[in-house]
Protein backbone atom coordinates (compact mmCIF):
# COMPACT_ATOMS: atom_id res chain seq x y z
CA MET A 1 -2.07 -9.85 -63.13
CA ASP A 2 -4.24 -12.68 -61.15
CA GLU A 3 -2.22 -14.93 -59.57
CA PRO A 4 -2.79 -18.97 -60.19
CA LYS A 5 -4.56 -20.44 -58.08
CA PRO A 6 -3.09 -23.21 -56.16
CA ILE A 7 -4.64 -27.04 -56.71
CA ILE A 8 -5.31 -27.53 -52.85
CA PRO A 9 -7.28 -24.12 -51.79
CA PHE A 10 -6.56 -23.58 -47.82
CA GLU A 11 -5.83 -20.76 -45.36
CA PRO A 12 -2.02 -20.29 -45.06
CA VAL A 13 -1.04 -20.22 -41.91
CA PRO A 14 -0.18 -16.69 -40.29
CA VAL A 15 3.62 -16.49 -40.03
CA ARG A 16 6.10 -13.44 -38.97
CA ALA A 17 7.78 -12.38 -42.18
CA ARG A 18 11.56 -13.59 -42.00
CA HIS A 19 13.92 -14.27 -44.80
CA ASP A 20 14.19 -18.00 -44.23
CA GLY A 21 10.94 -18.70 -42.88
CA TRP A 22 7.69 -20.28 -44.13
CA THR A 23 6.03 -17.51 -46.17
CA VAL A 24 2.42 -17.96 -47.81
CA GLU A 25 3.79 -18.60 -51.21
CA LYS A 26 6.15 -21.66 -49.72
CA GLN A 27 3.44 -22.93 -48.16
CA TYR A 28 1.13 -22.94 -51.28
CA ASP A 29 4.49 -24.75 -52.99
CA PHE A 30 5.01 -27.21 -50.07
CA ILE A 31 1.25 -28.56 -50.77
CA GLU A 32 1.51 -28.73 -54.45
CA ALA A 33 5.32 -30.66 -54.40
CA LEU A 34 3.76 -32.53 -51.56
CA ALA A 35 0.85 -33.41 -53.53
CA GLU A 36 2.94 -34.23 -56.48
CA THR A 37 5.34 -36.54 -54.82
CA GLY A 38 3.55 -37.77 -51.82
CA ILE A 39 7.00 -37.40 -49.63
CA VAL A 40 6.78 -35.03 -47.39
CA GLU A 41 10.81 -34.46 -46.85
CA GLU A 42 11.05 -34.24 -50.99
CA ALA A 43 8.20 -31.60 -50.16
CA CYS A 44 10.50 -29.81 -47.77
CA ARG A 45 13.66 -29.76 -50.25
CA ARG A 46 11.59 -28.15 -53.18
CA VAL A 47 10.56 -25.11 -50.84
CA GLY A 48 13.84 -24.96 -48.86
CA MET A 49 12.13 -25.69 -45.47
CA SER A 50 13.25 -28.50 -43.08
CA ARG A 51 10.87 -31.42 -42.20
CA THR A 52 11.23 -30.37 -38.21
CA SER A 53 9.83 -26.57 -39.48
CA ALA A 54 6.72 -28.46 -41.59
CA ASP A 55 5.91 -30.61 -38.78
CA ASN A 56 6.22 -27.52 -36.46
CA LEU A 57 4.19 -25.36 -38.42
CA ARG A 58 1.39 -28.04 -39.19
CA THR A 59 1.31 -28.37 -35.37
CA ARG A 60 0.87 -24.96 -34.54
CA PRO A 61 -3.04 -24.15 -33.12
CA CYS A 62 -3.68 -21.75 -35.62
CA GLY A 63 -2.25 -24.35 -38.25
CA ALA A 64 -5.97 -26.21 -38.48
CA PRO A 65 -6.39 -25.11 -42.50
CA PHE A 66 -2.16 -26.41 -43.16
CA ARG A 67 -2.93 -29.92 -41.53
CA ARG A 68 -5.95 -30.45 -43.36
CA ALA A 69 -4.03 -29.37 -46.95
CA TRP A 70 -1.26 -31.45 -46.07
CA GLN A 71 -3.50 -34.57 -45.73
CA ILE A 72 -5.56 -33.92 -48.82
CA ALA A 73 -2.33 -33.44 -50.74
CA LEU A 74 -1.44 -37.06 -49.36
CA ASP A 75 -4.99 -38.42 -50.35
CA TYR A 76 -4.26 -36.84 -53.84
CA ALA A 77 -0.59 -38.54 -54.13
CA LEU A 78 -2.35 -42.08 -52.76
CA TYR A 79 -4.99 -41.93 -55.61
CA ARG A 80 -2.17 -41.24 -58.37
CA ILE A 81 -0.16 -44.40 -56.76
CA GLU A 82 -3.66 -46.09 -57.10
CA GLU A 83 -4.05 -44.68 -61.12
CA ASP A 84 -0.26 -46.19 -61.73
CA ALA A 85 -0.94 -49.58 -59.96
CA PHE A 86 -3.88 -49.71 -62.06
CA THR A 87 -1.23 -48.74 -65.26
CA ARG A 88 1.50 -51.18 -64.65
CA SER A 89 -1.20 -53.83 -64.09
CA ARG A 90 -2.72 -53.50 -67.65
CA ARG A 91 0.01 -52.38 -69.41
CA GLY A 92 3.28 -53.94 -67.72
CA VAL A 93 6.63 -52.73 -67.13
CA ALA A 94 9.61 -52.65 -69.45
CA ARG A 95 12.52 -54.85 -69.08
CA PRO A 96 15.65 -54.59 -70.73
CA ILE A 97 17.26 -57.52 -72.39
CA PHE A 98 21.51 -57.38 -72.70
CA HIS A 99 23.39 -59.58 -74.84
CA LYS A 100 27.28 -59.07 -74.54
CA GLY A 101 26.77 -55.65 -72.02
CA GLU A 102 24.48 -54.14 -74.32
CA GLN A 103 20.30 -53.70 -74.63
CA VAL A 104 19.29 -55.24 -77.00
CA GLY A 105 15.89 -54.68 -76.41
CA GLU A 106 13.01 -55.42 -74.26
CA TRP A 107 9.87 -57.08 -72.31
CA ARG A 108 6.96 -56.43 -70.73
CA HIS A 109 6.29 -58.03 -67.18
CA TYR A 110 3.10 -58.40 -66.45
CA ASP A 111 2.43 -58.55 -62.39
CA GLU A 112 -0.22 -61.05 -61.61
CA ARG A 113 0.36 -60.86 -57.95
CA LEU A 114 -0.68 -56.93 -58.36
CA THR A 115 -3.24 -57.62 -60.54
CA MET A 116 -5.02 -60.33 -58.64
CA PHE A 117 -4.42 -57.76 -55.27
CA LEU A 118 -6.21 -55.28 -57.54
CA LEU A 119 -9.18 -57.27 -58.40
CA ARG A 120 -9.38 -58.75 -54.90
CA SER A 121 -9.57 -55.08 -53.13
CA PHE A 122 -11.81 -53.26 -55.87
CA ARG A 123 -14.58 -56.48 -57.02
CA PRO A 124 -14.45 -58.67 -53.62
CA GLU A 125 -18.24 -59.69 -54.64
CA ARG A 126 -16.89 -61.53 -57.61
CA TYR A 127 -12.57 -62.03 -57.09
CA GLY A 128 -12.58 -62.33 -53.14
CA LYS A 129 -12.01 -65.51 -51.53
CA ALA A 130 -15.44 -67.87 -51.34
CA LEU A 131 -15.94 -67.17 -47.65
CA ASP A 132 -15.73 -63.51 -48.25
CA ARG A 133 -18.12 -63.58 -50.64
CA LEU A 134 -20.53 -65.40 -48.65
CA LEU A 135 -20.46 -63.18 -46.11
CA ALA A 136 -20.58 -59.91 -48.76
CA ARG A 137 -23.63 -61.71 -49.88
CA ARG A 138 -25.41 -61.88 -46.56
CA GLU A 139 -24.49 -58.77 -45.92
CA ASP A 140 -25.97 -57.08 -48.84
CA ALA A 141 -29.00 -59.96 -48.10
CA GLY A 142 -29.11 -58.29 -45.02
CA GLU A 143 -28.72 -61.81 -43.13
CA GLU A 144 -27.51 -62.21 -39.55
CA GLY A 145 -24.77 -65.22 -40.09
CA PRO A 146 -22.44 -66.07 -37.11
CA GLU A 147 -20.11 -64.36 -35.60
CA ASP A 148 -16.96 -66.46 -37.04
CA PRO A 149 -16.84 -67.45 -40.37
CA GLY A 150 -15.34 -71.13 -39.29
CA ILE A 151 -19.15 -71.56 -38.09
CA THR A 152 -20.53 -71.05 -41.27
CA LEU A 153 -18.33 -73.02 -43.18
CA ASP A 154 -18.06 -76.08 -41.14
CA GLY A 155 -22.18 -75.66 -41.19
CA GLY A 156 -21.74 -75.54 -45.40
CA LEU A 157 -19.12 -78.71 -44.91
CA THR A 158 -21.58 -80.54 -42.89
CA GLU A 159 -24.42 -79.84 -45.12
CA ILE A 160 -22.49 -81.10 -47.93
CA GLU A 161 -21.18 -84.72 -46.61
CA PHE A 162 -24.98 -85.45 -45.50
CA ASN A 163 -26.15 -84.99 -48.75
CA ALA A 164 -23.24 -87.00 -50.48
CA ARG A 165 -24.11 -89.65 -48.17
CA ASP A 166 -27.48 -90.25 -50.69
CA VAL A 167 -25.17 -90.39 -53.80
CA PRO A 168 -24.91 -94.10 -54.84
CA LEU A 169 -21.36 -94.81 -55.89
CA ASP A 170 -20.85 -95.86 -59.35
CA GLU A 171 -19.30 -99.34 -60.15
CA ARG A 172 -16.49 -97.53 -61.81
CA ASP A 173 -15.79 -95.50 -58.34
CA ASP A 174 -14.98 -98.95 -56.32
CA ASP A 175 -12.17 -100.00 -58.69
CA GLU A 176 -10.36 -96.83 -59.54
CA PRO A 177 -8.59 -94.72 -57.06
CA CYS A 178 -10.25 -90.55 -57.22
CA ALA A 179 -7.96 -88.74 -59.25
CA LEU A 180 -6.93 -84.93 -57.87
């Protein structure tokens, strides 16, 4: 009978056989639980081991494969968190509606801050701050700009002010205050 392959293959740390210690199965189960939850304490609880013993196993000189598997499991858990954030941004989160102490319905809450964070993080060239977009375009074009972004912004404002002096004012502009 074939044993199921672990989702994150690695070479388990060789340990002395103990009834209450780390076994090959516990190491595989721990890494799988860590990939599923992203929480070390929860993964330890699932395999019946302490956080201290997991840290000790990870820091052993021969524990490099276990350390790499641990990091891969946490990276996978972060990937799942990203997926969950995208789902919440697109589908919202159900919030209950209560009337006289009983739930009578629900409404969907869409967190626009989460949506903006995702857009700015994954598409900074389009949804990032204006200065970030300017600097990104310069980097893409291979242009060397000043070290301080404030210098770039100040130079741009100076050019706008200079060009604005050449524009004649309308008659209307003198009489009416500017609307913001």
